[in-house]
PDB file of all heavy atoms in Angstrom:
ATOM      1  N   ILE A   1     -10.101  -8.929   4.593  1.00  0.00           N
ATOM      2  CA  ILE A   1     -10.753  -7.617   4.574  1.00  0.00           C
ATOM      3  C   ILE A   1     -12.103  -7.655   3.867  1.00  0.00           C
ATOM      4  O   ILE A   1     -13.071  -7.011   4.299  1.00  0.00           O
ATOM      5  CB  ILE A   1      -9.815  -6.570   3.930  1.00  0.00           C
ATOM      6  CG1 ILE A   1      -8.688  -6.226   4.906  1.00  0.00           C
ATOM      7  CG2 ILE A   1     -10.576  -5.317   3.519  1.00  0.00           C
ATOM      8  CD1 ILE A   1      -7.724  -5.167   4.415  1.00  0.00           C
ATOM      9  N   GLU A   2     -12.205  -8.437   2.793  1.00  0.00           N
ATOM     10  CA  GLU A   2     -13.467  -8.477   2.061  1.00  0.00           C
ATOM     11  C   GLU A   2     -14.603  -9.066   2.883  1.00  0.00           C
ATOM     12  O   GLU A   2     -15.776  -8.811   2.599  1.00  0.00           O
ATOM     13  CB  GLU A   2     -13.278  -9.267   0.763  1.00  0.00           C
ATOM     14  CG  GLU A   2     -12.449  -8.503  -0.270  1.00  0.00           C
ATOM     15  CD  GLU A   2     -12.055  -9.344  -1.464  1.00  0.00           C
ATOM     16  OE1 GLU A   2     -12.513 -10.506  -1.556  1.00  0.00           O
ATOM     17  OE2 GLU A   2     -11.272  -8.842  -2.300  1.00  0.00           O
ATOM     18  N   GLY A   3     -14.269  -9.842   3.904  1.00  0.00           N
ATOM     19  CA  GLY A   3     -15.291 -10.372   4.785  1.00  0.00           C
ATOM     20  C   GLY A   3     -15.455  -9.589   6.077  1.00  0.00           C
ATOM     21  O   GLY A   3     -16.248  -9.982   6.946  1.00  0.00           O
ATOM     22  N   GLN A   4     -14.700  -8.486   6.227  1.00  0.00           N
ATOM     23  CA  GLN A   4     -14.710  -7.709   7.464  1.00  0.00           C
ATOM     24  C   GLN A   4     -14.781  -6.220   7.140  1.00  0.00           C
ATOM     25  O   GLN A   4     -13.969  -5.427   7.602  1.00  0.00           O
ATOM     26  CB  GLN A   4     -13.455  -8.012   8.296  1.00  0.00           C
ATOM     27  CG  GLN A   4     -13.260  -9.460   8.679  1.00  0.00           C
ATOM     28  CD  GLN A   4     -14.244  -9.913   9.751  1.00  0.00           C
ATOM     29  OE1 GLN A   4     -14.856  -9.095  10.451  1.00  0.00           O
ATOM     30  NE2 GLN A   4     -14.394 -11.224   9.906  1.00  0.00           N
ATOM     31  N   THR A   5     -15.768  -5.835   6.331  1.00  0.00           N
ATOM     32  CA  THR A   5     -15.841  -4.443   5.867  1.00  0.00           C
ATOM     33  C   THR A   5     -16.160  -3.469   6.999  1.00  0.00           C
ATOM     34  O   THR A   5     -15.908  -2.264   6.876  1.00  0.00           O
ATOM     35  CB  THR A   5     -16.890  -4.302   4.758  1.00  0.00           C
ATOM     36  OG1 THR A   5     -18.152  -4.819   5.234  1.00  0.00           O
ATOM     37  CG2 THR A   5     -16.466  -5.087   3.524  1.00  0.00           C
ATOM     38  N   ASP A   6     -16.724  -3.963   8.105  1.00  0.00           N
ATOM     39  CA  ASP A   6     -16.980  -3.087   9.247  1.00  0.00           C
ATOM     40  C   ASP A   6     -15.717  -2.827  10.053  1.00  0.00           C
ATOM     41  O   ASP A   6     -15.671  -1.896  10.862  1.00  0.00           O
ATOM     42  CB  ASP A   6     -18.047  -3.700  10.156  1.00  0.00           C
ATOM     43  CG  ASP A   6     -17.627  -5.046  10.728  1.00  0.00           C
ATOM     44  OD1 ASP A   6     -16.960  -5.816   9.996  1.00  0.00           O
ATOM     45  OD2 ASP A   6     -17.973  -5.336  11.891  1.00  0.00           O
ATOM     46  N   ARG A   7     -14.674  -3.661   9.812  1.00  0.00           N
ATOM     47  CA  ARG A   7     -13.436  -3.539  10.583  1.00  0.00           C
ATOM     48  C   ARG A   7     -12.306  -2.858   9.823  1.00  0.00           C
ATOM     49  O   ARG A   7     -11.429  -2.249  10.429  1.00  0.00           O
ATOM     50  CB  ARG A   7     -12.950  -4.918  11.028  1.00  0.00           C
ATOM     51  CG  ARG A   7     -13.822  -5.606  12.074  1.00  0.00           C
ATOM     52  CD  ARG A   7     -13.259  -6.969  12.374  1.00  0.00           C
ATOM     53  NE  ARG A   7     -13.981  -7.714  13.381  1.00  0.00           N
ATOM     54  CZ  ARG A   7     -13.714  -7.714  14.679  1.00  0.00           C
ATOM     55  NH1 ARG A   7     -12.711  -6.964  15.125  1.00  0.00           N
ATOM     56  NH2 ARG A   7     -14.411  -8.445  15.517  1.00  0.00           N
ATOM     57  N   PHE A   8     -12.286  -2.996   8.487  1.00  0.00           N
ATOM     58  CA  PHE A   8     -11.154  -2.513   7.694  1.00  0.00           C
ATOM     59  C   PHE A   8     -11.613  -1.737   6.465  1.00  0.00           C
ATOM     60  O   PHE A   8     -12.641  -2.062   5.858  1.00  0.00           O
ATOM     61  CB  PHE A   8     -10.293  -3.688   7.222  1.00  0.00           C
ATOM     62  CG  PHE A   8      -9.700  -4.513   8.321  1.00  0.00           C
ATOM     63  CD1 PHE A   8     -10.199  -5.783   8.603  1.00  0.00           C
ATOM     64  CD2 PHE A   8      -8.642  -4.039   9.082  1.00  0.00           C
ATOM     65  CE1 PHE A   8      -9.671  -6.553   9.619  1.00  0.00           C
ATOM     66  CE2 PHE A   8      -8.099  -4.808  10.106  1.00  0.00           C
ATOM     67  CZ  PHE A   8      -8.611  -6.073  10.374  1.00  0.00           C
ATOM     68  N   GLU A   9     -10.812  -0.759   6.097  1.00  0.00           N
ATOM     69  CA  GLU A   9     -10.957  -0.065   4.823  1.00  0.00           C
ATOM     70  C   GLU A   9      -9.581  -0.053   4.152  1.00  0.00           C
ATOM     71  O   GLU A   9      -8.633   0.523   4.695  1.00  0.00           O
ATOM     72  CB  GLU A   9     -11.457   1.370   5.027  1.00  0.00           C
ATOM     73  CG  GLU A   9     -11.602   2.143   3.730  1.00  0.00           C
ATOM     74  CD  GLU A   9     -11.965   3.596   3.944  1.00  0.00           C
ATOM     75  OE1 GLU A   9     -12.149   4.010   5.113  1.00  0.00           O
ATOM     76  OE2 GLU A   9     -12.031   4.333   2.938  1.00  0.00           O
ATOM     77  N   LEU A  10      -9.478  -0.698   3.005  1.00  0.00           N
ATOM     78  CA  LEU A  10      -8.198  -0.756   2.298  1.00  0.00           C
ATOM     79  C   LEU A  10      -8.054   0.505   1.449  1.00  0.00           C
ATOM     80  O   LEU A  10      -8.747   0.682   0.455  1.00  0.00           O
ATOM     81  CB  LEU A  10      -8.142  -2.009   1.416  1.00  0.00           C
ATOM     82  CG  LEU A  10      -6.797  -2.322   0.751  1.00  0.00           C
ATOM     83  CD1 LEU A  10      -5.708  -2.549   1.800  1.00  0.00           C
ATOM     84  CD2 LEU A  10      -6.929  -3.549  -0.146  1.00  0.00           C
ATOM     85  N   VAL A  11      -7.133   1.384   1.849  1.00  0.00           N
ATOM     86  CA  VAL A  11      -7.006   2.688   1.192  1.00  0.00           C
ATOM     87  C   VAL A  11      -5.823   2.741   0.224  1.00  0.00           C
ATOM     88  O   VAL A  11      -5.693   3.706  -0.532  1.00  0.00           O
ATOM     89  CB  VAL A  11      -6.889   3.821   2.230  1.00  0.00           C
ATOM     90  CG1 VAL A  11      -8.169   3.916   3.054  1.00  0.00           C
ATOM     91  CG2 VAL A  11      -5.675   3.626   3.151  1.00  0.00           C
ATOM     92  N   LEU A  12      -4.953   1.734   0.239  1.00  0.00           N
ATOM     93  CA  LEU A  12      -3.852   1.657  -0.726  1.00  0.00           C
ATOM     94  C   LEU A  12      -3.523   0.188  -0.975  1.00  0.00           C
ATOM     95  O   LEU A  12      -3.396  -0.592  -0.028  1.00  0.00           O
ATOM     96  CB  LEU A  12      -2.604   2.378  -0.216  1.00  0.00           C
ATOM     97  CG  LEU A  12      -1.400   2.392  -1.179  1.00  0.00           C
ATOM     98  CD1 LEU A  12      -1.704   3.251  -2.415  1.00  0.00           C
ATOM     99  CD2 LEU A  12      -0.131   2.883  -0.492  1.00  0.00           C
ATOM    100  N   ASP A  13      -3.416  -0.168  -2.227  1.00  0.00           N
ATOM    101  CA  ASP A  13      -3.094  -1.536  -2.641  1.00  0.00           C
ATOM    102  C   ASP A  13      -2.113  -1.404  -3.801  1.00  0.00           C
ATOM    103  O   ASP A  13      -2.511  -1.293  -4.951  1.00  0.00           O
ATOM    104  CB  ASP A  13      -4.378  -2.250  -3.058  1.00  0.00           C
ATOM    105  CG  ASP A  13      -4.158  -3.700  -3.462  1.00  0.00           C
ATOM    106  OD1 ASP A  13      -2.995  -4.135  -3.492  1.00  0.00           O
ATOM    107  OD2 ASP A  13      -5.155  -4.383  -3.759  1.00  0.00           O
ATOM    108  N   GLU A  14      -0.817  -1.398  -3.493  1.00  0.00           N
ATOM    109  CA  GLU A  14       0.205  -1.006  -4.472  1.00  0.00           C
ATOM    110  C   GLU A  14       1.333  -2.037  -4.511  1.00  0.00           C
ATOM    111  O   GLU A  14       1.809  -2.504  -3.468  1.00  0.00           O
ATOM    112  CB  GLU A  14       0.788   0.352  -4.081  1.00  0.00           C
ATOM    113  CG  GLU A  14       1.695   0.972  -5.111  1.00  0.00           C
ATOM    114  CD  GLU A  14       0.931   1.737  -6.189  1.00  0.00           C
ATOM    115  OE1 GLU A  14      -0.267   1.983  -6.015  1.00  0.00           O
ATOM    116  OE2 GLU A  14       1.564   2.091  -7.200  1.00  0.00           O
ATOM    117  N   SER A  15       1.772  -2.380  -5.716  1.00  0.00           N
ATOM    118  CA  SER A  15       2.895  -3.309  -5.863  1.00  0.00           C
ATOM    119  C   SER A  15       4.207  -2.549  -6.043  1.00  0.00           C
ATOM    120  O   SER A  15       4.225  -1.359  -6.372  1.00  0.00           O
ATOM    121  CB  SER A  15       2.675  -4.238  -7.063  1.00  0.00           C
ATOM    122  OG  SER A  15       2.741  -3.505  -8.271  1.00  0.00           O
ATOM    123  N   PHE A  16       5.322  -3.249  -5.802  1.00  0.00           N
ATOM    124  CA  PHE A  16       6.645  -2.710  -6.086  1.00  0.00           C
ATOM    125  C   PHE A  16       7.511  -3.845  -6.602  1.00  0.00           C
ATOM    126  O   PHE A  16       7.227  -5.025  -6.358  1.00  0.00           O
ATOM    127  CB  PHE A  16       7.270  -2.055  -4.842  1.00  0.00           C
ATOM    128  CG  PHE A  16       7.469  -2.995  -3.682  1.00  0.00           C
ATOM    129  CD1 PHE A  16       8.644  -3.733  -3.537  1.00  0.00           C
ATOM    130  CD2 PHE A  16       6.484  -3.141  -2.717  1.00  0.00           C
ATOM    131  CE1 PHE A  16       8.824  -4.604  -2.464  1.00  0.00           C
ATOM    132  CE2 PHE A  16       6.660  -4.007  -1.634  1.00  0.00           C
ATOM    133  CZ  PHE A  16       7.821  -4.739  -1.513  1.00  0.00           C
ATOM    134  N   GLU A  17       8.565  -3.523  -7.304  1.00  0.00           N
ATOM    135  CA  GLU A  17       9.451  -4.531  -7.860  1.00  0.00           C
ATOM    136  C   GLU A  17      10.424  -5.038  -6.799  1.00  0.00           C
ATOM    137  O   GLU A  17      11.008  -4.250  -6.049  1.00  0.00           O
ATOM    138  CB  GLU A  17      10.224  -3.982  -9.060  1.00  0.00           C
ATOM    139  CG  GLU A  17       9.338  -3.652 -10.249  1.00  0.00           C
ATOM    140  CD  GLU A  17       8.476  -4.816 -10.693  1.00  0.00           C
ATOM    141  OE1 GLU A  17       9.020  -5.929 -10.871  1.00  0.00           O
ATOM    142  OE2 GLU A  17       7.249  -4.633 -10.830  1.00  0.00           O
ATOM    143  N   HIS A  18      10.574  -6.345  -6.749  1.00  0.00           N
ATOM    144  CA  HIS A  18      11.517  -6.971  -5.818  1.00  0.00           C
ATOM    145  C   HIS A  18      12.926  -6.482  -6.104  1.00  0.00           C
ATOM    146  O   HIS A  18      13.335  -6.327  -7.256  1.00  0.00           O
ATOM    147  CB  HIS A  18      11.432  -8.485  -5.992  1.00  0.00           C
ATOM    148  CG  HIS A  18      12.337  -9.268  -5.104  1.00  0.00           C
ATOM    149  ND1 HIS A  18      12.595  -8.927  -3.791  1.00  0.00           N
ATOM    150  CD2 HIS A  18      13.044 -10.407  -5.340  1.00  0.00           C
ATOM    151  CE1 HIS A  18      13.409  -9.807  -3.266  1.00  0.00           C
ATOM    152  NE2 HIS A  18      13.710 -10.714  -4.177  1.00  0.00           N
ATOM    153  N   LEU A  19      13.687  -6.187  -5.046  1.00  0.00           N
ATOM    154  CA  LEU A  19      15.055  -5.661  -5.109  1.00  0.00           C
ATOM    155  C   LEU A  19      15.105  -4.284  -5.771  1.00  0.00           C
ATOM    156  O   LEU A  19      16.026  -3.947  -6.511  1.00  0.00           O
ATOM    157  CB  LEU A  19      15.992  -6.640  -5.827  1.00  0.00           C
ATOM    158  CG  LEU A  19      16.134  -8.014  -5.181  1.00  0.00           C
ATOM    159  CD1 LEU A  19      17.065  -8.909  -6.000  1.00  0.00           C
ATOM    160  CD2 LEU A  19      16.640  -7.900  -3.742  1.00  0.00           C
ATOM    161  N   SER A  20      14.091  -3.481  -5.498  1.00  0.00           N
ATOM    162  CA  SER A  20      14.105  -2.089  -5.963  1.00  0.00           C
ATOM    163  C   SER A  20      15.228  -1.330  -5.268  1.00  0.00           C
ATOM    164  O   SER A  20      15.563  -1.604  -4.115  1.00  0.00           O
ATOM    165  CB  SER A  20      12.771  -1.410  -5.655  1.00  0.00           C
ATOM    166  OG  SER A  20      11.701  -2.038  -6.311  1.00  0.00           O
ATOM    167  N   SER A  21      15.789  -0.362  -5.978  1.00  0.00           N
ATOM    168  CA  SER A  21      16.895   0.409  -5.407  1.00  0.00           C
ATOM    169  C   SER A  21      16.419   1.627  -4.624  1.00  0.00           C
ATOM    170  O   SER A  21      17.166   2.192  -3.827  1.00  0.00           O
ATOM    171  CB  SER A  21      17.849   0.860  -6.518  1.00  0.00           C
ATOM    172  OG  SER A  21      17.169   1.667  -7.466  1.00  0.00           O
ATOM    173  N   ASP A  22      15.164   2.050  -4.850  1.00  0.00           N
ATOM    174  CA  ASP A  22      14.653   3.244  -4.179  1.00  0.00           C
ATOM    175  C   ASP A  22      13.156   3.065  -3.917  1.00  0.00           C
ATOM    176  O   ASP A  22      12.395   2.772  -4.840  1.00  0.00           O
ATOM    177  CB  ASP A  22      14.893   4.482  -5.045  1.00  0.00           C
ATOM    178  CG  ASP A  22      14.504   5.766  -4.332  1.00  0.00           C
ATOM    179  OD1 ASP A  22      14.180   5.711  -3.130  1.00  0.00           O
ATOM    180  OD2 ASP A  22      14.518   6.827  -4.985  1.00  0.00           O
ATOM    181  N   HIS A  23      12.776   3.220  -2.647  1.00  0.00           N
ATOM    182  CA  HIS A  23      11.372   3.053  -2.273  1.00  0.00           C
ATOM    183  C   HIS A  23      10.722   4.371  -1.868  1.00  0.00           C
ATOM    184  O   HIS A  23       9.601   4.369  -1.359  1.00  0.00           O
ATOM    185  CB  HIS A  23      11.272   2.060  -1.105  1.00  0.00           C
ATOM    186  CG  HIS A  23      11.601   0.654  -1.489  1.00  0.00           C
ATOM    187  ND1 HIS A  23      10.655  -0.262  -1.859  1.00  0.00           N
ATOM    188  CD2 HIS A  23      12.789   0.009  -1.564  1.00  0.00           C
ATOM    189  CE1 HIS A  23      11.228  -1.418  -2.136  1.00  0.00           C
ATOM    190  NE2 HIS A  23      12.529  -1.283  -1.968  1.00  0.00           N
ATOM    191  N   THR A  24      11.382   5.485  -2.115  1.00  0.00           N
ATOM    192  CA  THR A  24      10.871   6.769  -1.637  1.00  0.00           C
ATOM    193  C   THR A  24       9.518   7.104  -2.244  1.00  0.00           C
ATOM    194  O   THR A  24       8.583   7.506  -1.534  1.00  0.00           O
ATOM    195  CB  THR A  24      11.877   7.889  -1.935  1.00  0.00           C
ATOM    196  OG1 THR A  24      13.123   7.590  -1.299  1.00  0.00           O
ATOM    197  CG2 THR A  24      11.360   9.219  -1.421  1.00  0.00           C
ATOM    198  N   SER A  25       9.387   6.947  -3.563  1.00  0.00           N
ATOM    199  CA  SER A  25       8.118   7.301  -4.200  1.00  0.00           C
ATOM    200  C   SER A  25       6.975   6.441  -3.696  1.00  0.00           C
ATOM    201  O   SER A  25       5.841   6.899  -3.538  1.00  0.00           O
ATOM    202  CB  SER A  25       8.235   7.197  -5.726  1.00  0.00           C
ATOM    203  OG  SER A  25       8.546   5.863  -6.116  1.00  0.00           O
ATOM    204  N   LEU A  26       7.259   5.176  -3.413  1.00  0.00           N
ATOM    205  CA  LEU A  26       6.239   4.276  -2.871  1.00  0.00           C
ATOM    206  C   LEU A  26       5.787   4.754  -1.491  1.00  0.00           C
ATOM    207  O   LEU A  26       4.581   4.801  -1.192  1.00  0.00           O
ATOM    208  CB  LEU A  26       6.794   2.860  -2.781  1.00  0.00           C
ATOM    209  CG  LEU A  26       5.857   1.783  -2.227  1.00  0.00           C
ATOM    210  CD1 LEU A  26       4.740   1.490  -3.213  1.00  0.00           C
ATOM    211  CD2 LEU A  26       6.639   0.516  -1.905  1.00  0.00           C
ATOM    212  N   ILE A  27       6.743   5.123  -0.648  1.00  0.00           N
ATOM    213  CA  ILE A  27       6.405   5.563   0.701  1.00  0.00           C
ATOM    214  C   ILE A  27       5.697   6.910   0.679  1.00  0.00           C
ATOM    215  O   ILE A  27       4.841   7.182   1.537  1.00  0.00           O
ATOM    216  CB  ILE A  27       7.667   5.596   1.587  1.00  0.00           C
ATOM    217  CG1 ILE A  27       8.264   4.184   1.711  1.00  0.00           C
ATOM    218  CG2 ILE A  27       7.353   6.149   2.962  1.00  0.00           C
ATOM    219  CD1 ILE A  27       7.306   3.141   2.273  1.00  0.00           C
ATOM    220  N   VAL A  28       6.000   7.744  -0.281  1.00  0.00           N
ATOM    221  CA  VAL A  28       5.254   9.007  -0.433  1.00  0.00           C
ATOM    222  C   VAL A  28       3.776   8.708  -0.703  1.00  0.00           C
ATOM    223  O   VAL A  28       2.883   9.390  -0.174  1.00  0.00           O
ATOM    224  CB  VAL A  28       5.862   9.865  -1.550  1.00  0.00           C
ATOM    225  CG1 VAL A  28       4.936  11.031  -1.910  1.00  0.00           C
ATOM    226  CG2 VAL A  28       7.226  10.404  -1.119  1.00  0.00           C
ATOM    227  N   LYS A  29       3.497   7.689  -1.504  1.00  0.00           N
ATOM    228  CA  LYS A  29       2.101   7.286  -1.736  1.00  0.00           C
ATOM    229  C   LYS A  29       1.454   6.812  -0.442  1.00  0.00           C
ATOM    230  O   LYS A  29       0.283   7.106  -0.177  1.00  0.00           O
ATOM    231  CB  LYS A  29       2.037   6.170  -2.780  1.00  0.00           C
ATOM    232  CG  LYS A  29       2.323   6.608  -4.198  1.00  0.00           C
ATOM    233  CD  LYS A  29       2.139   5.440  -5.167  1.00  0.00           C
ATOM    234  CE  LYS A  29       2.450   5.865  -6.590  1.00  0.00           C
ATOM    235  NZ  LYS A  29       2.288   4.732  -7.543  1.00  0.00           N
ATOM    236  N   VAL A  30       2.208   6.069   0.360  1.00  0.00           N
ATOM    237  CA  VAL A  30       1.691   5.611   1.646  1.00  0.00           C
ATOM    238  C   VAL A  30       1.331   6.813   2.514  1.00  0.00           C
ATOM    239  O   VAL A  30       0.267   6.853   3.150  1.00  0.00           O
ATOM    240  CB  VAL A  30       2.719   4.712   2.364  1.00  0.00           C
ATOM    241  CG1 VAL A  30       2.249   4.366   3.775  1.00  0.00           C
ATOM    242  CG2 VAL A  30       2.965   3.442   1.558  1.00  0.00           C
ATOM    243  N   ARG A  31       2.188   7.804   2.537  1.00  0.00           N
ATOM    244  CA  ARG A  31       1.923   8.999   3.345  1.00  0.00           C
ATOM    245  C   ARG A  31       0.674   9.728   2.874  1.00  0.00           C
ATOM    246  O   ARG A  31      -0.121  10.233   3.676  1.00  0.00           O
ATOM    247  CB  ARG A  31       3.128   9.938   3.281  1.00  0.00           C
ATOM    248  CG  ARG A  31       2.998  11.174   4.174  1.00  0.00           C
ATOM    249  CD  ARG A  31       4.216  12.056   4.099  1.00  0.00           C
ATOM    250  NE  ARG A  31       4.387  12.598   2.752  1.00  0.00           N
ATOM    251  CZ  ARG A  31       5.431  13.341   2.382  1.00  0.00           C
ATOM    252  NH1 ARG A  31       6.411  13.590   3.252  1.00  0.00           N
ATOM    253  NH2 ARG A  31       5.524  13.794   1.153  1.00  0.00           N
ATOM    254  N   SER A  32       0.442   9.731   1.567  1.00  0.00           N
ATOM    255  CA  SER A  32      -0.655  10.530   0.995  1.00  0.00           C
ATOM    256  C   SER A  32      -2.038   9.996   1.353  1.00  0.00           C
ATOM    257  O   SER A  32      -3.012  10.741   1.330  1.00  0.00           O
ATOM    258  CB  SER A  32      -0.514  10.609  -0.523  1.00  0.00           C
ATOM    259  OG  SER A  32      -0.792   9.347  -1.128  1.00  0.00           O
TER     260      SER A  32
END
């Protein structure tokens, strides 16, 4: 992406913990 700024805009860059029990809050961020 850093070499293709005319093609992509990174609007979310978020980590999550491996083997999380609930991903709802993460997906709410994706929706936003």
